[in-house]
Amino acid sequence: SASRRRDFAPFACLVLPALEAGLRGSFVLANPAEASLGAAHVGAYFSTLDGWGQRSKHQLLLAPHLHSDGSPNRLLAWLGDGMHALLLDLFLHAAGPGLRAKFAHGEAALLPAASPPTDEGGEAEAGGEAGGEAG
């Protein structure tokens, strides 16, 4: 029923930056020479999950190699193949949802869609949900 539906966009909006920050910290631990990429600095590029529009200018956390010297990104071994593939699907692959870009760059709707209009008895108008639940 409509009362059981949840809108998870606000949750994702809050959790994705925490996930990215955690991955950034793990990236720096796995690649100590890249310690300066652990935090954003005014006027400098930093590491991100998606590289939205500027992938060639800064380090992608999930890239196979380090942007600075081409050496292997040791974060990927720590994540393991399955987690790396999942994160690539969620954040980087063109056919994936591009979650970070959608939330960080304002493409995701954070407010729930409006409910269908109801008649005076509270029933959804034609084309809306029928009352009752299938059990």
C-alpha atoms as a PDB file:
ATOM      1  CA  SER A   1       0.000   0.000   0.000  1.00  0.00           C
ATOM      2  CA  ALA A   2       1.014   3.608  -0.404  1.00  0.00           C
ATOM      3  CA  SER A   3       1.500   3.998   3.354  1.00  0.00           C
ATOM      4  CA  ARG A   4       4.176   1.290   3.310  1.00  0.00           C
ATOM      5  CA  ARG A   5       6.210   2.821   0.494  1.00  0.00           C
ATOM      6  CA  ARG A   6       9.382   4.607   1.519  1.00  0.00           C
ATOM      7  CA  ASP A   7      11.371   7.280  -0.206  1.00  0.00           C
ATOM      8  CA  PHE A   8      15.031   6.402   0.131  1.00  0.00           C
ATOM      9  CA  ALA A   9      16.456   9.426  -1.727  1.00  0.00           C
ATOM     10  CA  PRO A  10      17.097  11.451   1.467  1.00  0.00           C
ATOM     11  CA  PHE A  11      18.803   8.415   3.012  1.00  0.00           C
ATOM     12  CA  ALA A  12      21.036   7.969  -0.036  1.00  0.00           C
ATOM     13  CA  CYS A  13      21.799  11.689  -0.069  1.00  0.00           C
ATOM     14  CA  LEU A  14      23.111  11.398   3.496  1.00  0.00           C
ATOM     15  CA  VAL A  15      24.899   8.049   3.187  1.00  0.00           C
ATOM     16  CA  LEU A  16      26.715   8.470  -0.143  1.00  0.00           C
ATOM     17  CA  PRO A  17      29.062  11.247   1.081  1.00  0.00           C
ATOM     18  CA  ALA A  18      29.916   9.107   4.126  1.00  0.00           C
ATOM     19  CA  LEU A  19      30.638   6.119   1.868  1.00  0.00           C
ATOM     20  CA  GLU A  20      32.821   8.261  -0.375  1.00  0.00           C
ATOM     21  CA  ALA A  21      34.699   9.719   2.609  1.00  0.00           C
ATOM     22  CA  GLY A  22      35.289   6.219   3.981  1.00  0.00           C
ATOM     23  CA  LEU A  23      36.565   5.001   0.626  1.00  0.00           C
ATOM     24  CA  ARG A  24      38.785   8.071   0.341  1.00  0.00           C
ATOM     25  CA  GLY A  25      40.307   7.290   3.753  1.00  0.00           C
ATOM     26  CA  SER A  26      40.835   3.653   2.750  1.00  0.00           C
ATOM     27  CA  PHE A  27      42.350   4.790  -0.558  1.00  0.00           C
ATOM     28  CA  VAL A  28      44.944   6.868   1.314  1.00  0.00           C
ATOM     29  CA  LEU A  29      45.719   4.000   3.709  1.00  0.00           C
ATOM     30  CA  ALA A  30      46.174   1.596   0.782  1.00  0.00           C
ATOM     31  CA  ASN A  31      48.183   4.138  -1.243  1.00  0.00           C
ATOM     32  CA  PRO A  32      50.218   6.153   1.332  1.00  0.00           C
ATOM     33  CA  ALA A  33      52.012   8.205  -1.331  1.00  0.00           C
ATOM     34  CA  GLU A  34      48.619   9.724  -2.196  1.00  0.00           C
ATOM     35  CA  ALA A  35      47.970  11.119   1.311  1.00  0.00           C
ATOM     36  CA  SER A  36      47.236  14.597  -0.069  1.00  0.00           C
ATOM     37  CA  LEU A  37      44.138  13.167  -1.812  1.00  0.00           C
ATOM     38  CA  GLY A  38      42.497  12.284   1.488  1.00  0.00           C
ATOM     39  CA  ALA A  39      40.762  15.644   1.759  1.00  0.00           C
ATOM     40  CA  ALA A  40      39.586  18.426  -0.503  1.00  0.00           C
ATOM     41  CA  HIS A  41      41.794  21.502  -0.818  1.00  0.00           C
ATOM     42  CA  VAL A  42      40.774  24.879  -2.221  1.00  0.00           C
ATOM     43  CA  GLY A  43      41.976  25.216  -5.801  1.00  0.00           C
ATOM     44  CA  ALA A  44      43.126  21.588  -6.095  1.00  0.00           C
ATOM     45  CA  TYR A  45      41.549  18.443  -7.481  1.00  0.00           C
ATOM     46  CA  PHE A  46      40.898  15.590  -5.069  1.00  0.00           C
ATOM     47  CA  SER A  47      39.845  11.971  -5.314  1.00  0.00           C
ATOM     48  CA  THR A  48      36.188  11.139  -6.005  1.00  0.00           C
ATOM     49  CA  LEU A  49      34.028   8.156  -6.843  1.00  0.00           C
ATOM     50  CA  ASP A  50      32.835   9.394 -10.214  1.00  0.00           C
ATOM     51  CA  GLY A  51      35.121  12.079 -11.665  1.00  0.00           C
ATOM     52  CA  TRP A  52      32.026  13.721 -13.096  1.00  0.00           C
ATOM     53  CA  GLY A  53      33.107  15.543 -16.256  1.00  0.00           C
ATOM     54  CA  GLN A  54      36.780  15.714 -15.230  1.00  0.00           C
ATOM     55  CA  ARG A  55      38.064  12.156 -14.960  1.00  0.00           C
ATOM     56  CA  SER A  56      41.343  12.971 -16.675  1.00  0.00           C
ATOM     57  CA  LYS A  57      42.186  15.748 -14.182  1.00  0.00           C
ATOM     58  CA  HIS A  58      42.055  13.907 -10.873  1.00  0.00           C
ATOM     59  CA  GLN A  59      42.235  10.533  -9.170  1.00  0.00           C
ATOM     60  CA  LEU A  60      39.210   8.269  -9.257  1.00  0.00           C
ATOM     61  CA  LEU A  61      39.007   6.177  -6.107  1.00  0.00           C
ATOM     62  CA  LEU A  62      38.103   3.043  -8.090  1.00  0.00           C
ATOM     63  CA  ALA A  63      40.523   3.515 -11.006  1.00  0.00           C
ATOM     64  CA  PRO A  64      42.887   0.601 -11.639  1.00  0.00           C
ATOM     65  CA  HIS A  65      45.961   2.864 -11.562  1.00  0.00           C
ATOM     66  CA  LEU A  66      47.065   5.950  -9.678  1.00  0.00           C
ATOM     67  CA  HIS A  67      46.716   9.170 -11.615  1.00  0.00           C
ATOM     68  CA  SER A  68      50.034  10.511 -10.289  1.00  0.00           C
ATOM     69  CA  ASP A  69      52.415   7.768 -11.462  1.00  0.00           C
ATOM     70  CA  GLY A  70      50.444   4.953 -13.109  1.00  0.00           C
ATOM     71  CA  SER A  71      51.179   2.425 -10.363  1.00  0.00           C
ATOM     72  CA  PRO A  72      48.417  -0.012  -9.358  1.00  0.00           C
ATOM     73  CA  ASN A  73      45.685   1.303  -7.069  1.00  0.00           C
ATOM     74  CA  ARG A  74      46.082  -0.930  -4.003  1.00  0.00           C
ATOM     75  CA  LEU A  75      42.601  -0.021  -2.723  1.00  0.00           C
ATOM     76  CA  LEU A  76      41.155  -2.428  -5.288  1.00  0.00           C
ATOM     77  CA  ALA A  77      42.956  -5.443  -3.805  1.00  0.00           C
ATOM     78  CA  TRP A  78      41.660  -4.457  -0.368  1.00  0.00           C
ATOM     79  CA  LEU A  79      38.078  -4.140  -1.680  1.00  0.00           C
ATOM     80  CA  GLY A  80      38.163  -7.434  -3.567  1.00  0.00           C
ATOM     81  CA  ASP A  81      36.830  -8.096  -7.049  1.00  0.00           C
ATOM     82  CA  GLY A  82      33.160  -8.389  -6.079  1.00  0.00           C
ATOM     83  CA  MET A  83      32.969  -5.143  -4.097  1.00  0.00           C
ATOM     84  CA  HIS A  84      35.000  -3.315  -6.739  1.00  0.00           C
ATOM     85  CA  ALA A  85      32.605  -4.509  -9.456  1.00  0.00           C
ATOM     86  CA  LEU A  86      29.565  -3.482  -7.395  1.00  0.00           C
ATOM     87  CA  LEU A  87      30.963   0.000  -6.749  1.00  0.00           C
ATOM     88  CA  LEU A  88      31.863   0.422 -10.426  1.00  0.00           C
ATOM     89  CA  ASP A  89      28.303  -0.535 -11.389  1.00  0.00           C
ATOM     90  CA  LEU A  90      26.768   1.891  -8.891  1.00  0.00           C
ATOM     91  CA  PHE A  91      29.023   4.876  -9.490  1.00  0.00           C
ATOM     92  CA  LEU A  92      31.036   4.735 -12.718  1.00  0.00           C
ATOM     93  CA  HIS A  93      29.687   2.513 -15.475  1.00  0.00           C
ATOM     94  CA  ALA A  94      27.740   4.373 -18.134  1.00  0.00           C
ATOM     95  CA  ALA A  95      24.910   1.822 -17.995  1.00  0.00           C
ATOM     96  CA  GLY A  96      24.730   2.047 -14.195  1.00  0.00           C
ATOM     97  CA  PRO A  97      22.733   4.494 -12.090  1.00  0.00           C
ATOM     98  CA  GLY A  98      25.648   6.903 -11.470  1.00  0.00           C
ATOM     99  CA  LEU A  99      24.470   7.444  -7.900  1.00  0.00           C
ATOM    100  CA  ARG A 100      27.108   9.889  -6.718  1.00  0.00           C
ATOM    101  CA  ALA A 101      26.759  12.120  -9.762  1.00  0.00           C
ATOM    102  CA  LYS A 102      22.977  12.167  -9.517  1.00  0.00           C
ATOM    103  CA  PHE A 103      22.967  13.209  -5.858  1.00  0.00           C
ATOM    104  CA  ALA A 104      26.087  15.396  -5.797  1.00  0.00           C
ATOM    105  CA  HIS A 105      25.202  17.302  -8.962  1.00  0.00           C
ATOM    106  CA  GLY A 106      21.480  17.751  -8.403  1.00  0.00           C
ATOM    107  CA  GLU A 107      20.072  15.246 -10.870  1.00  0.00           C
ATOM    108  CA  ALA A 108      18.126  13.193  -8.299  1.00  0.00           C
ATOM    109  CA  ALA A 109      14.721  14.223  -7.012  1.00  0.00           C
ATOM    110  CA  LEU A 110      14.951  14.398  -3.229  1.00  0.00           C
ATOM    111  CA  LEU A 111      11.258  14.993  -2.646  1.00  0.00           C
ATOM    112  CA  PRO A 112       8.751  12.176  -3.084  1.00  0.00           C
ATOM    113  CA  ALA A 113       6.463  12.301  -6.088  1.00  0.00           C
ATOM    114  CA  ALA A 114       3.022  13.731  -5.449  1.00  0.00           C
ATOM    115  CA  SER A 115       0.338  11.203  -4.505  1.00  0.00           C
ATOM    116  CA  PRO A 116      -2.489  10.656  -6.994  1.00  0.00           C
ATOM    117  CA  PRO A 117      -5.564  12.784  -6.311  1.00  0.00           C
ATOM    118  CA  THR A 118      -8.269  11.096  -4.256  1.00  0.00           C
ATOM    119  CA  ASP A 119     -12.037  11.467  -4.283  1.00  0.00           C
ATOM    120  CA  GLU A 120     -13.906  12.625  -1.182  1.00  0.00           C
ATOM    121  CA  GLY A 121     -13.959   9.113   0.304  1.00  0.00           C
ATOM    122  CA  GLY A 122     -10.182   8.827   0.186  1.00  0.00           C
ATOM    123  CA  GLU A 123     -10.183   6.333  -2.687  1.00  0.00           C
ATOM    124  CA  ALA A 124      -7.654   6.905  -5.459  1.00  0.00           C
ATOM    125  CA  GLU A 125      -9.247   8.054  -8.696  1.00  0.00           C
ATOM    126  CA  ALA A 126      -9.330   5.799 -11.751  1.00  0.00           C
ATOM    127  CA  GLY A 127      -5.877   4.586 -12.625  1.00  0.00           C
ATOM    128  CA  GLY A 128      -4.655   4.867  -9.019  1.00  0.00           C
ATOM    129  CA  GLU A 129      -4.061   2.077  -6.540  1.00  0.00           C
ATOM    130  CA  ALA A 130      -6.955  -0.138  -5.596  1.00  0.00           C
ATOM    131  CA  GLY A 131      -7.839  -0.473  -1.936  1.00  0.00           C
ATOM    132  CA  GLY A 132      -6.753  -3.526   0.019  1.00  0.00           C
ATOM    133  CA  GLU A 133      -3.684  -5.671  -0.226  1.00  0.00           C
ATOM    134  CA  ALA A 134      -3.001  -8.897  -1.996  1.00  0.00           C
ATOM    135  CA  GLY A 135      -2.014 -11.478   0.543  1.00  0.00           C
END
